[in-house]
C-alpha atoms as a PDB file:
ATOM      1  CA  MET A   1       0.014  -0.057  -0.009  1.00  0.00           C
ATOM      2  CA  GLY A   2       1.229   3.608  -0.714  1.00  0.00           C
ATOM      3  CA  ALA A   3       1.772   6.305   1.736  1.00  0.00           C
ATOM      4  CA  PRO A   4      -1.547   7.549   3.043  1.00  0.00           C
ATOM      5  CA  VAL A   5      -2.753  10.959   1.565  1.00  0.00           C
ATOM      6  CA  PRO A   6      -2.325  13.737   4.027  1.00  0.00           C
ATOM      7  CA  ARG A   7      -5.650  14.961   5.508  1.00  0.00           C
ATOM      8  CA  ARG A   8      -4.702  18.516   4.432  1.00  0.00           C
ATOM      9  CA  VAL A   9      -4.421  17.431   0.822  1.00  0.00           C
ATOM     10  CA  LEU A  10      -7.786  15.581   1.063  1.00  0.00           C
ATOM     11  CA  LEU A  11      -9.423  18.811   2.482  1.00  0.00           C
ATOM     12  CA  LEU A  12      -8.143  20.903  -0.329  1.00  0.00           C
ATOM     13  CA  ALA A  13      -9.187  18.514  -2.949  1.00  0.00           C
ATOM     14  CA  VAL A  14     -12.801  18.465  -1.475  1.00  0.00           C
ATOM     15  CA  VAL A  15     -12.752  22.329  -1.353  1.00  0.00           C
ATOM     16  CA  ALA A  16     -11.595  22.440  -4.982  1.00  0.00           C
ATOM     17  CA  THR A  17     -14.206  20.027  -6.217  1.00  0.00           C
ATOM     18  CA  CYS A  18     -17.035  22.125  -4.435  1.00  0.00           C
ATOM     19  CA  PHE A  19     -15.671  25.260  -5.887  1.00  0.00           C
ATOM     20  CA  LEU A  20     -15.684  23.879  -9.405  1.00  0.00           C
ATOM     21  CA  ALA A  21     -19.075  22.504  -9.015  1.00  0.00           C
ATOM     22  CA  LYS A  22     -20.360  25.932  -7.773  1.00  0.00           C
ATOM     23  CA  VAL A  23     -18.552  27.633 -10.689  1.00  0.00           C
ATOM     24  CA  ALA A  24     -20.316  25.259 -13.059  1.00  0.00           C
ATOM     25  CA  PHE A  25     -23.677  25.819 -11.470  1.00  0.00           C
ATOM     26  CA  VAL A  26     -23.156  29.676 -11.379  1.00  0.00           C
ATOM     27  CA  SER A  27     -22.171  29.578 -15.078  1.00  0.00           C
ATOM     28  CA  GLN A  28     -25.246  27.499 -16.074  1.00  0.00           C
ATOM     29  CA  LYS A  29     -27.360  30.122 -14.241  1.00  0.00           C
ATOM     30  CA  VAL A  30     -25.679  32.998 -15.942  1.00  0.00           C
ATOM     31  CA  ASN A  31     -26.224  31.362 -19.159  1.00  0.00           C
ATOM     32  CA  LEU A  32     -29.856  30.800 -18.540  1.00  0.00           C
ATOM     33  CA  LEU A  33     -30.309  34.431 -17.388  1.00  0.00           C
ATOM     34  CA  SER A  34     -28.465  35.902 -20.428  1.00  0.00           C
ATOM     35  CA  THR A  35     -30.654  33.640 -22.717  1.00  0.00           C
ATOM     36  CA  SER A  36     -33.812  34.943 -20.842  1.00  0.00           C
ATOM     37  CA  CYS A  37     -32.620  38.540 -21.036  1.00  0.00           C
ATOM     38  CA  LEU A  38     -31.945  38.156 -24.719  1.00  0.00           C
ATOM     39  CA  ARG A  39     -35.352  36.610 -25.322  1.00  0.00           C
ATOM     40  CA  ARG A  40     -36.924  39.554 -23.483  1.00  0.00           C
ATOM     41  CA  ARG A  41     -34.996  42.036 -25.619  1.00  0.00           C
ATOM     42  CA  GLN A  42     -35.941  40.215 -28.717  1.00  0.00           C
ATOM     43  CA  HIS A  43     -39.580  40.095 -27.666  1.00  0.00           C
ATOM     44  CA  ARG A  44     -39.404  43.816 -26.891  1.00  0.00           C
ATOM     45  CA  GLY A  45     -37.701  44.478 -30.248  1.00  0.00           C
ATOM     46  CA  ASP A  46     -40.489  42.450 -32.024  1.00  0.00           C
ATOM     47  CA  ARG A  47     -43.270  44.570 -30.170  1.00  0.00           C
ATOM     48  CA  THR A  48     -41.465  47.737 -30.977  1.00  0.00           C
ATOM     49  CA  ALA A  49     -41.280  46.784 -34.686  1.00  0.00           C
ATOM     50  CA  VAL A  50     -44.997  45.969 -34.686  1.00  0.00           C
ATOM     51  CA  ALA A  51     -45.672  49.295 -32.964  1.00  0.00           C
ATOM     52  CA  SER A  52     -43.583  51.182 -35.561  1.00  0.00           C
ATOM     53  CA  THR A  53     -45.548  49.508 -38.416  1.00  0.00           C
ATOM     54  CA  ALA A  54     -48.774  50.420 -36.709  1.00  0.00           C
ATOM     55  CA  ALA A  55     -47.559  53.987 -36.393  1.00  0.00           C
ATOM     56  CA  GLU A  56     -46.802  54.109 -40.203  1.00  0.00           C
ATOM     57  CA  ASP A  57     -50.217  52.675 -41.031  1.00  0.00           C
ATOM     58  CA  ILE A  58     -51.857  55.245 -38.892  1.00  0.00           C
ATOM     59  CA  LEU A  59     -50.047  58.147 -40.529  1.00  0.00           C
ATOM     60  CA  GLN A  60     -51.046  56.906 -43.927  1.00  0.00           C
ATOM     61  CA  SER A  61     -54.782  56.407 -42.814  1.00  0.00           C
ATOM     62  CA  ILE A  62     -55.058  59.930 -41.447  1.00  0.00           C
ATOM     63  CA  GLY A  63     -53.261  61.572 -44.471  1.00  0.00           C
ATOM     64  CA  ALA A  64     -50.355  63.009 -42.349  1.00  0.00           C
ATOM     65  CA  SER A  65     -48.896  66.235 -43.730  1.00  0.00           C
ATOM     66  CA  LEU A  66     -45.924  66.055 -41.420  1.00  0.00           C
ATOM     67  CA  PRO A  67     -43.221  63.358 -41.490  1.00  0.00           C
ATOM     68  CA  ALA A  68     -43.096  60.732 -38.742  1.00  0.00           C
ATOM     69  CA  SER A  69     -39.582  62.186 -37.668  1.00  0.00           C
ATOM     70  CA  SER A  70     -41.156  65.576 -36.873  1.00  0.00           C
ATOM     71  CA  MET A  71     -41.966  64.504 -33.295  1.00  0.00           C
ATOM     72  CA  ASP A  72     -38.919  62.432 -32.530  1.00  0.00           C
ATOM     73  CA  GLY A  73     -37.505  63.288 -29.100  1.00  0.00           C
ATOM     74  CA  LYS A  74     -40.600  65.480 -28.279  1.00  0.00           C
ATOM     75  CA  THR A  75     -42.438  65.460 -25.006  1.00  0.00           C
ATOM     76  CA  VAL A  76     -46.183  65.377 -25.371  1.00  0.00           C
ATOM     77  CA  LEU A  77     -48.598  65.533 -22.550  1.00  0.00           C
ATOM     78  CA  VAL A  78     -52.083  64.028 -23.319  1.00  0.00           C
ATOM     79  CA  LYS A  79     -54.972  64.892 -21.124  1.00  0.00           C
ATOM     80  CA  TYR A  80     -57.138  61.672 -21.466  1.00  0.00           C
ATOM     81  CA  GLY A  81     -60.770  62.176 -20.749  1.00  0.00           C
ATOM     82  CA  GLY A  82     -64.259  62.471 -22.318  1.00  0.00           C
ATOM     83  CA  HIS A  83     -65.297  60.206 -25.068  1.00  0.00           C
ATOM     84  CA  ALA A  84     -61.785  58.826 -25.513  1.00  0.00           C
ATOM     85  CA  MET A  85     -61.979  56.983 -22.258  1.00  0.00           C
ATOM     86  CA  LYS A  86     -64.615  54.716 -23.882  1.00  0.00           C
ATOM     87  CA  ASP A  87     -61.702  53.164 -26.086  1.00  0.00           C
ATOM     88  CA  GLU A  88     -58.917  52.485 -23.577  1.00  0.00           C
ATOM     89  CA  ALA A  89     -57.316  49.809 -25.763  1.00  0.00           C
ATOM     90  CA  GLY A  90     -57.414  52.006 -28.779  1.00  0.00           C
ATOM     91  CA  PHE A  91     -55.780  54.890 -27.051  1.00  0.00           C
ATOM     92  CA  ALA A  92     -53.161  52.601 -25.360  1.00  0.00           C
ATOM     93  CA  LYS A  93     -52.110  51.327 -28.838  1.00  0.00           C
ATOM     94  CA  ASP A  94     -51.855  54.960 -30.126  1.00  0.00           C
ATOM     95  CA  ILE A  95     -49.544  55.879 -27.229  1.00  0.00           C
ATOM     96  CA  VAL A  96     -47.299  52.817 -27.942  1.00  0.00           C
ATOM     97  CA  ALA A  97     -47.296  53.705 -31.562  1.00  0.00           C
ATOM     98  CA  LEU A  98     -46.070  57.261 -30.616  1.00  0.00           C
ATOM     99  CA  LEU A  99     -43.318  55.718 -28.562  1.00  0.00           C
ATOM    100  CA  SER A 100     -42.170  53.739 -31.595  1.00  0.00           C
ATOM    101  CA  LEU A 101     -41.674  57.195 -33.318  1.00  0.00           C
ATOM    102  CA  GLY A 102     -39.431  58.610 -30.605  1.00  0.00           C
ATOM    103  CA  VAL A 103     -42.135  60.709 -28.900  1.00  0.00           C
ATOM    104  CA  LYS A 104     -42.096  60.924 -25.084  1.00  0.00           C
ATOM    105  CA  PRO A 105     -45.704  60.722 -23.863  1.00  0.00           C
ATOM    106  CA  VAL A 106     -47.079  61.716 -20.522  1.00  0.00           C
ATOM    107  CA  VAL A 107     -50.708  61.058 -19.668  1.00  0.00           C
ATOM    108  CA  VAL A 108     -52.926  62.907 -17.300  1.00  0.00           C
ATOM    109  CA  HIS A 109     -56.411  61.303 -16.921  1.00  0.00           C
ATOM    110  CA  GLY A 110     -59.704  62.477 -15.465  1.00  0.00           C
ATOM    111  CA  GLY A 111     -62.583  60.399 -14.079  1.00  0.00           C
ATOM    112  CA  GLY A 112     -65.363  62.794 -13.058  1.00  0.00           C
ATOM    113  CA  PRO A 113     -68.308  60.879 -14.326  1.00  0.00           C
ATOM    114  CA  GLN A 114     -66.997  57.614 -12.765  1.00  0.00           C
ATOM    115  CA  ILE A 115     -66.592  59.423  -9.429  1.00  0.00           C
ATOM    116  CA  ALA A 116     -70.077  60.850  -9.664  1.00  0.00           C
ATOM    117  CA  ALA A 117     -71.406  57.285 -10.341  1.00  0.00           C
ATOM    118  CA  MET A 118     -69.613  55.860  -7.379  1.00  0.00           C
ATOM    119  CA  LEU A 119     -70.796  58.759  -4.979  1.00  0.00           C
ATOM    120  CA  GLU A 120     -74.353  57.947  -6.244  1.00  0.00           C
ATOM    121  CA  LYS A 121     -73.885  54.315  -5.667  1.00  0.00           C
ATOM    122  CA  LEU A 122     -72.742  54.837  -2.048  1.00  0.00           C
ATOM    123  CA  GLN A 123     -75.576  57.294  -1.572  1.00  0.00           C
ATOM    124  CA  MET A 124     -73.252  60.182  -0.921  1.00  0.00           C
ATOM    125  CA  PRO A 125     -74.977  63.419  -2.147  1.00  0.00           C
ATOM    126  CA  SER A 126     -72.910  65.965  -4.215  1.00  0.00           C
ATOM    127  CA  THR A 127     -73.167  69.637  -3.824  1.00  0.00           C
ATOM    128  CA  PHE A 128     -71.703  72.139  -6.288  1.00  0.00           C
ATOM    129  CA  VAL A 129     -70.703  75.634  -5.853  1.00  0.00           C
ATOM    130  CA  GLN A 130     -70.008  77.633  -8.995  1.00  0.00           C
ATOM    131  CA  GLY A 131     -69.593  74.406 -11.045  1.00  0.00           C
ATOM    132  CA  LEU A 132     -67.030  72.822  -8.465  1.00  0.00           C
ATOM    133  CA  ARG A 133     -68.031  69.786  -6.392  1.00  0.00           C
ATOM    134  CA  VAL A 134     -67.795  70.368  -2.655  1.00  0.00           C
ATOM    135  CA  SER A 135     -65.310  67.702  -1.524  1.00  0.00           C
ATOM    136  CA  ASP A 136     -65.076  66.742   2.123  1.00  0.00           C
ATOM    137  CA  GLU A 137     -62.630  64.028   3.286  1.00  0.00           C
ATOM    138  CA  ALA A 138     -64.984  61.243   2.496  1.00  0.00           C
ATOM    139  CA  THR A 139     -65.621  62.471  -1.026  1.00  0.00           C
ATOM    140  CA  VAL A 140     -61.927  62.852  -1.655  1.00  0.00           C
ATOM    141  CA  GLU A 141     -61.326  59.219  -0.475  1.00  0.00           C
ATOM    142  CA  VAL A 142     -64.023  57.980  -2.985  1.00  0.00           C
ATOM    143  CA  ALA A 143     -62.377  60.064  -5.712  1.00  0.00           C
ATOM    144  CA  GLU A 144     -58.862  58.627  -4.996  1.00  0.00           C
ATOM    145  CA  MET A 145     -60.169  55.122  -5.018  1.00  0.00           C
ATOM    146  CA  VAL A 146     -62.052  55.586  -8.301  1.00  0.00           C
ATOM    147  CA  LEU A 147     -59.130  57.392  -9.961  1.00  0.00           C
ATOM    148  CA  GLY A 148     -56.667  54.667  -8.800  1.00  0.00           C
ATOM    149  CA  ARG A 149     -58.740  51.987 -10.354  1.00  0.00           C
ATOM    150  CA  LEU A 150     -59.020  54.020 -13.626  1.00  0.00           C
ATOM    151  CA  ASN A 151     -55.159  54.658 -13.462  1.00  0.00           C
ATOM    152  CA  LYS A 152     -54.150  51.110 -13.086  1.00  0.00           C
ATOM    153  CA  GLY A 153     -56.560  50.053 -15.901  1.00  0.00           C
ATOM    154  CA  LEU A 154     -54.850  52.479 -18.227  1.00  0.00           C
ATOM    155  CA  VAL A 155     -51.354  51.393 -17.217  1.00  0.00           C
ATOM    156  CA  ALA A 156     -52.298  47.680 -17.886  1.00  0.00           C
ATOM    157  CA  ALA A 157     -53.666  48.745 -21.230  1.00  0.00           C
ATOM    158  CA  ILE A 158     -50.380  50.568 -22.295  1.00  0.00           C
ATOM    159  CA  ASN A 159     -48.245  47.708 -20.997  1.00  0.00           C
ATOM    160  CA  ALA A 160     -50.577  44.991 -22.699  1.00  0.00           C
ATOM    161  CA  ALA A 161     -50.091  47.085 -26.085  1.00  0.00           C
ATOM    162  CA  GLY A 162     -46.328  46.599 -25.919  1.00  0.00           C
ATOM    163  CA  GLY A 163     -45.309  49.785 -24.037  1.00  0.00           C
ATOM    164  CA  ARG A 164     -43.960  50.628 -20.561  1.00  0.00           C
ATOM    165  CA  ALA A 165     -46.155  52.602 -18.170  1.00  0.00           C
ATOM    166  CA  VAL A 166     -46.306  53.449 -14.481  1.00  0.00           C
ATOM    167  CA  GLY A 167     -49.228  54.836 -12.539  1.00  0.00           C
ATOM    168  CA  LEU A 168     -48.643  57.918 -10.316  1.00  0.00           C
ATOM    169  CA  SER A 169     -50.483  60.535  -8.492  1.00  0.00           C
ATOM    170  CA  GLY A 170     -49.257  63.833  -7.294  1.00  0.00           C
ATOM    171  CA  LYS A 171     -48.703  62.387  -3.879  1.00  0.00           C
ATOM    172  CA  ASP A 172     -45.835  60.149  -5.218  1.00  0.00           C
ATOM    173  CA  ASP A 173     -42.609  61.559  -4.409  1.00  0.00           C
ATOM    174  CA  ASN A 174     -44.467  64.797  -3.396  1.00  0.00           C
ATOM    175  CA  MET A 175     -44.625  65.531  -6.939  1.00  0.00           C
ATOM    176  CA  ILE A 176     -47.522  68.024  -6.960  1.00  0.00           C
ATOM    177  CA  LYS A 177     -48.069  70.301  -4.180  1.00  0.00           C
ATOM    178  CA  THR A 178     -51.436  71.883  -4.100  1.00  0.00           C
ATOM    179  CA  ARG A 179     -53.120  75.034  -2.657  1.00  0.00           C
ATOM    180  CA  ARG A 180     -56.761  75.081  -1.656  1.00  0.00           C
ATOM    181  CA  VAL A 181     -59.324  76.464  -4.155  1.00  0.00           C
ATOM    182  CA  ILE A 182     -61.670  78.973  -2.700  1.00  0.00           C
ATOM    183  CA  ALA A 183     -64.803  79.700  -4.676  1.00  0.00           C
ATOM    184  CA  GLU A 184     -65.953  83.302  -5.497  1.00  0.00           C
ATOM    185  CA  GLY A 185     -67.395  85.035  -2.569  1.00  0.00           C
ATOM    186  CA  GLY A 186     -65.122  83.030  -0.234  1.00  0.00           C
ATOM    187  CA  ALA A 187     -67.076  79.874  -0.167  1.00  0.00           C
ATOM    188  CA  ASP A 188     -65.305  76.926   1.195  1.00  0.00           C
ATOM    189  CA  ILE A 189     -65.580  73.765  -1.151  1.00  0.00           C
ATOM    190  CA  GLY A 190     -63.374  71.489   0.931  1.00  0.00           C
ATOM    191  CA  PHE A 191     -60.381  69.557  -0.545  1.00  0.00           C
ATOM    192  CA  VAL A 192     -60.384  70.835  -4.022  1.00  0.00           C
ATOM    193  CA  GLY A 193     -56.936  72.061  -5.133  1.00  0.00           C
ATOM    194  CA  GLU A 194     -54.787  73.540  -7.799  1.00  0.00           C
ATOM    195  CA  ALA A 195     -51.203  72.798  -8.582  1.00  0.00           C
ATOM    196  CA  GLU A 196     -49.016  75.227  -6.621  1.00  0.00           C
ATOM    197  CA  LYS A 197     -45.540  73.535  -7.065  1.00  0.00           C
ATOM    198  CA  ILE A 198     -44.613  70.670  -9.329  1.00  0.00           C
ATOM    199  CA  ASP A 199     -41.371  68.769  -9.114  1.00  0.00           C
ATOM    200  CA  THR A 200     -40.698  67.128 -12.426  1.00  0.00           C
ATOM    201  CA  THR A 201     -37.519  65.026 -11.403  1.00  0.00           C
ATOM    202  CA  LEU A 202     -39.409  61.784 -11.359  1.00  0.00           C
ATOM    203  CA  LEU A 203     -41.206  62.380 -14.684  1.00  0.00           C
ATOM    204  CA  LYS A 204     -38.086  63.309 -16.370  1.00  0.00           C
ATOM    205  CA  ALA A 205     -36.245  60.280 -14.982  1.00  0.00           C
ATOM    206  CA  LEU A 206     -39.007  57.888 -16.375  1.00  0.00           C
ATOM    207  CA  LEU A 207     -39.063  59.688 -19.823  1.00  0.00           C
ATOM    208  CA  SER A 208     -35.238  59.445 -20.050  1.00  0.00           C
ATOM    209  CA  MET A 209     -35.153  55.615 -19.717  1.00  0.00           C
ATOM    210  CA  GLN A 210     -34.596  53.569 -22.699  1.00  0.00           C
ATOM    211  CA  PRO A 211     -37.278  52.779 -23.942  1.00  0.00           C
ATOM    212  CA  PRO A 212     -39.110  55.632 -22.089  1.00  0.00           C
ATOM    213  CA  VAL A 213     -41.623  54.789 -19.489  1.00  0.00           C
ATOM    214  CA  VAL A 214     -44.971  56.425 -19.911  1.00  0.00           C
ATOM    215  CA  PRO A 215     -45.994  58.293 -16.668  1.00  0.00           C
ATOM    216  CA  VAL A 216     -49.804  58.011 -16.172  1.00  0.00           C
ATOM    217  CA  ILE A 217     -50.809  60.515 -13.631  1.00  0.00           C
ATOM    218  CA  MET A 218     -54.262  60.810 -11.849  1.00  0.00           C
ATOM    219  CA  PRO A 219     -55.304  64.309 -10.628  1.00  0.00           C
ATOM    220  CA  ILE A 220     -54.651  63.978  -7.104  1.00  0.00           C
ATOM    221  CA  GLY A 221     -52.104  66.235  -5.174  1.00  0.00           C
ATOM    222  CA  VAL A 222     -50.849  66.790  -1.616  1.00  0.00           C
ATOM    223  CA  GLY A 223     -51.628  70.099   0.286  1.00  0.00           C
ATOM    224  CA  LEU A 224     -48.564  72.466   0.421  1.00  0.00           C
ATOM    225  CA  ALA A 225     -49.854  73.895   3.713  1.00  0.00           C
ATOM    226  CA  ASP A 226     -51.473  70.894   5.463  1.00  0.00           C
ATOM    227  CA  GLY A 227     -50.296  67.669   3.735  1.00  0.00           C
ATOM    228  CA  ALA A 228     -53.837  66.684   3.198  1.00  0.00           C
ATOM    229  CA  THR A 229     -55.093  64.909  -0.048  1.00  0.00           C
ATOM    230  CA  TYR A 230     -56.581  67.038  -2.609  1.00  0.00           C
ATOM    231  CA  ASN A 231     -58.676  66.522  -5.756  1.00  0.00           C
ATOM    232  CA  ILE A 232     -57.585  68.522  -8.717  1.00  0.00           C
ATOM    233  CA  ASN A 233     -59.439  69.305 -11.989  1.00  0.00           C
ATOM    234  CA  ALA A 234     -57.802  67.053 -14.600  1.00  0.00           C
ATOM    235  CA  ASP A 235     -57.652  69.899 -17.194  1.00  0.00           C
ATOM    236  CA  THR A 236     -56.093  72.318 -14.722  1.00  0.00           C
ATOM    237  CA  MET A 237     -53.615  69.712 -13.777  1.00  0.00           C
ATOM    238  CA  ALA A 238     -52.696  68.726 -17.199  1.00  0.00           C
ATOM    239  CA  GLY A 239     -51.970  72.264 -18.165  1.00  0.00           C
ATOM    240  CA  ALA A 240     -49.819  72.747 -15.055  1.00  0.00           C
ATOM    241  CA  VAL A 241     -47.778  69.564 -15.645  1.00  0.00           C
ATOM    242  CA  ALA A 242     -47.319  70.425 -19.328  1.00  0.00           C
ATOM    243  CA  GLY A 243     -45.939  73.936 -18.390  1.00  0.00           C
ATOM    244  CA  ALA A 244     -43.671  72.557 -15.762  1.00  0.00           C
ATOM    245  CA  LEU A 245     -42.248  69.926 -18.088  1.00  0.00           C
ATOM    246  CA  GLN A 246     -41.797  72.544 -20.815  1.00  0.00           C
ATOM    247  CA  SER A 247     -43.629  70.122 -23.082  1.00  0.00           C
ATOM    248  CA  ASP A 248     -43.601  70.407 -26.834  1.00  0.00           C
ATOM    249  CA  ARG A 249     -47.333  69.966 -26.916  1.00  0.00           C
ATOM    250  CA  LEU A 250     -50.319  69.612 -24.682  1.00  0.00           C
ATOM    251  CA  LEU A 251     -53.264  67.606 -26.226  1.00  0.00           C
ATOM    252  CA  MET A 252     -56.510  67.928 -24.303  1.00  0.00           C
ATOM    253  CA  LEU A 253     -58.935  65.355 -25.514  1.00  0.00           C
ATOM    254  CA  THR A 254     -62.553  66.505 -25.364  1.00  0.00           C
ATOM    255  CA  ASP A 255     -65.932  65.733 -26.846  1.00  0.00           C
ATOM    256  CA  VAL A 256     -66.026  68.654 -29.289  1.00  0.00           C
ATOM    257  CA  PRO A 257     -64.066  69.271 -32.519  1.00  0.00           C
ATOM    258  CA  GLY A 258     -62.191  72.249 -31.124  1.00  0.00           C
ATOM    259  CA  VAL A 259     -62.973  75.898 -31.095  1.00  0.00           C
ATOM    260  CA  LEU A 260     -65.519  76.952 -33.621  1.00  0.00           C
ATOM    261  CA  ASP A 261     -66.033  80.496 -35.154  1.00  0.00           C
ATOM    262  CA  ALA A 262     -69.660  80.263 -34.513  1.00  0.00           C
ATOM    263  CA  ALA A 263     -72.397  77.944 -33.028  1.00  0.00           C
ATOM    264  CA  PRO A 264     -72.821  74.620 -34.594  1.00  0.00           C
ATOM    265  CA  PRO A 265     -73.787  73.496 -37.172  1.00  0.00           C
ATOM    266  CA  GLU A 266     -72.735  76.662 -39.050  1.00  0.00           C
ATOM    267  CA  GLY A 267     -69.538  77.063 -37.025  1.00  0.00           C
ATOM    268  CA  LYS A 268     -66.189  76.052 -38.650  1.00  0.00           C
ATOM    269  CA  LEU A 269     -63.104  74.955 -36.812  1.00  0.00           C
ATOM    270  CA  ILE A 270     -60.500  77.618 -35.975  1.00  0.00           C
ATOM    271  CA  PRO A 271     -57.172  75.750 -36.482  1.00  0.00           C
ATOM    272  CA  ARG A 272     -54.949  78.202 -34.520  1.00  0.00           C
ATOM    273  CA  LEU A 273     -55.307  80.821 -31.860  1.00  0.00           C
ATOM    274  CA  THR A 274     -53.101  83.086 -29.823  1.00  0.00           C
ATOM    275  CA  ARG A 275     -53.783  84.897 -26.577  1.00  0.00           C
ATOM    276  CA  ASP A 276     -55.048  87.976 -28.323  1.00  0.00           C
ATOM    277  CA  THR A 277     -57.553  86.081 -30.564  1.00  0.00           C
ATOM    278  CA  VAL A 278     -58.650  83.986 -27.590  1.00  0.00           C
ATOM    279  CA  SER A 279     -59.534  87.209 -25.617  1.00  0.00           C
ATOM    280  CA  GLN A 280     -61.283  88.614 -28.642  1.00  0.00           C
ATOM    281  CA  LEU A 281     -63.481  85.507 -29.117  1.00  0.00           C
ATOM    282  CA  ILE A 282     -64.327  85.350 -25.567  1.00  0.00           C
ATOM    283  CA  ALA A 283     -65.216  89.161 -25.451  1.00  0.00           C
ATOM    284  CA  ASP A 284     -67.515  89.023 -28.464  1.00  0.00           C
ATOM    285  CA  GLY A 285     -69.370  85.864 -27.272  1.00  0.00           C
ATOM    286  CA  THR A 286     -67.953  83.460 -30.032  1.00  0.00           C
ATOM    287  CA  VAL A 287     -66.496  81.310 -27.109  1.00  0.00           C
ATOM    288  CA  THR A 288     -68.800  80.505 -24.166  1.00  0.00           C
ATOM    289  CA  GLY A 289     -69.536  78.028 -21.530  1.00  0.00           C
ATOM    290  CA  GLY A 290     -67.059  75.167 -20.869  1.00  0.00           C
ATOM    291  CA  MET A 291     -64.724  75.969 -23.638  1.00  0.00           C
ATOM    292  CA  ILE A 292     -63.642  79.032 -21.781  1.00  0.00           C
ATOM    293  CA  PRO A 293     -61.862  77.283 -18.923  1.00  0.00           C
ATOM    294  CA  LYS A 294     -60.324  74.781 -21.501  1.00  0.00           C
ATOM    295  CA  LEU A 295     -58.885  77.694 -23.449  1.00  0.00           C
ATOM    296  CA  GLN A 296     -57.673  79.332 -20.116  1.00  0.00           C
ATOM    297  CA  ASN A 297     -55.838  76.077 -19.205  1.00  0.00           C
ATOM    298  CA  ALA A 298     -54.374  75.876 -22.655  1.00  0.00           C
ATOM    299  CA  LEU A 299     -53.105  79.471 -22.225  1.00  0.00           C
ATOM    300  CA  ASP A 300     -51.729  78.843 -18.796  1.00  0.00           C
ATOM    301  CA  ALA A 301     -49.809  75.836 -20.104  1.00  0.00           C
ATOM    302  CA  VAL A 302     -48.238  77.983 -22.895  1.00  0.00           C
ATOM    303  CA  ASP A 303     -47.502  80.841 -20.505  1.00  0.00           C
ATOM    304  CA  ALA A 304     -45.767  78.356 -18.176  1.00  0.00           C
ATOM    305  CA  GLY A 305     -43.476  77.080 -21.032  1.00  0.00           C
ATOM    306  CA  SER A 306     -45.320  74.532 -23.204  1.00  0.00           C
ATOM    307  CA  ALA A 307     -44.727  75.222 -26.841  1.00  0.00           C
ATOM    308  CA  GLY A 308     -48.369  74.809 -27.818  1.00  0.00           C
ATOM    309  CA  ALA A 309     -51.647  73.340 -26.453  1.00  0.00           C
ATOM    310  CA  ALA A 310     -54.363  71.826 -28.631  1.00  0.00           C
ATOM    311  CA  ILE A 311     -57.939  71.171 -27.871  1.00  0.00           C
ATOM    312  CA  VAL A 312     -58.619  67.981 -29.656  1.00  0.00           C
ATOM    313  CA  ASP A 313     -61.839  65.888 -30.608  1.00  0.00           C
ATOM    314  CA  GLY A 314     -61.293  62.629 -28.640  1.00  0.00           C
ATOM    315  CA  ARG A 315     -64.178  60.970 -30.431  1.00  0.00           C
ATOM    316  CA  GLU A 316     -62.137  60.675 -33.610  1.00  0.00           C
ATOM    317  CA  LYS A 317     -60.117  57.533 -34.323  1.00  0.00           C
ATOM    318  CA  HIS A 318     -56.333  58.217 -33.788  1.00  0.00           C
ATOM    319  CA  ALA A 319     -57.180  61.709 -32.461  1.00  0.00           C
ATOM    320  CA  VAL A 320     -53.721  62.099 -30.851  1.00  0.00           C
ATOM    321  CA  PHE A 321     -52.040  61.330 -34.210  1.00  0.00           C
ATOM    322  CA  ARG A 322     -54.336  63.688 -36.080  1.00  0.00           C
ATOM    323  CA  ALA A 323     -53.294  66.604 -33.597  1.00  0.00           C
ATOM    324  CA  LEU A 324     -49.677  65.990 -34.071  1.00  0.00           C
ATOM    325  CA  PHE A 325     -49.291  65.123 -37.825  1.00  0.00           C
ATOM    326  CA  THR A 326     -51.997  66.954 -39.512  1.00  0.00           C
ATOM    327  CA  ASP A 327     -53.540  70.454 -39.689  1.00  0.00           C
ATOM    328  CA  LYS A 328     -56.990  69.073 -38.898  1.00  0.00           C
ATOM    329  CA  GLY A 329     -56.417  67.839 -35.408  1.00  0.00           C
ATOM    330  CA  GLY A 330     -58.443  70.350 -33.320  1.00  0.00           C
ATOM    331  CA  THR A 331     -57.488  73.903 -32.410  1.00  0.00           C
ATOM    332  CA  LEU A 332     -53.806  74.685 -31.527  1.00  0.00           C
ATOM    333  CA  VAL A 333     -53.263  77.650 -28.965  1.00  0.00           C
ATOM    334  CA  GLU A 334     -49.785  79.176 -29.230  1.00  0.00           C
ATOM    335  CA  ARG A 335     -48.016  82.281 -27.705  1.00  0.00           C
ATOM    336  CA  SER A 336     -48.219  84.363 -30.898  1.00  0.00           C
END
């Protein structure tokens, strides 16, 4: 028999064997992970290609007068509401198609009718002062619940269409600090707010990712003075966020074609407006009712830094594309 193997040598051999086995195991895992990541990237690439093809088809179908590259790298804030909310899947596909063209979309959504329906279902009466819903703590709690459900539904639709989206409210990262709105005459309408201070750090971080992540924001903010939860008008919030982001375009989807030069059916669409022409149209009675606050929100966004704000008919198919790539996509409000 040969000399016995020293115990130390045996121990080293066992350690070496275990180490090599672990290296082989880790190597296998790395290979599997790399393959999985590659497959995900390929899948994402396939979906991007599909979205790009869809965008080209949309541009052709609407008779685009501007090239697809004209919005590459541009930040576009879309206020999603009205009739457009009845076709969530179609809207989500259009957002993903915009992503494929290099557009950086941000979505602010409303939910007034859904909130009203839930309050009625819960037998919580609504009181209005000068068109604004009086919102006590219980009402705001219901509003936040309903808006949260709508928010996650829209996020899921964009993700299902091949994009990347994340749901937010103004409370996340203290993004939107609000001041309390006081009705004319000093009437207290509860926890209804307006954006006072907007921190765009989180939004810009999401938009700078590759590919960009679409922020989907519900109109809820946190009180600057009291830290309470405030409900914010979605149009007002969209204009404020668009201005803070210095967006290249704000698109406000509504249930009307845009601003008309007379009452329908005789009225014709006015394609472009400036502050001076808006003031004139309001003064002479051409613009009345609910269109006045929409135009004011558009002007506020432009004054705050947005390059332009369009009032768009959300009832039309591919309304967002029509507003960005044709001269027939609603009324565009610019500085001058």
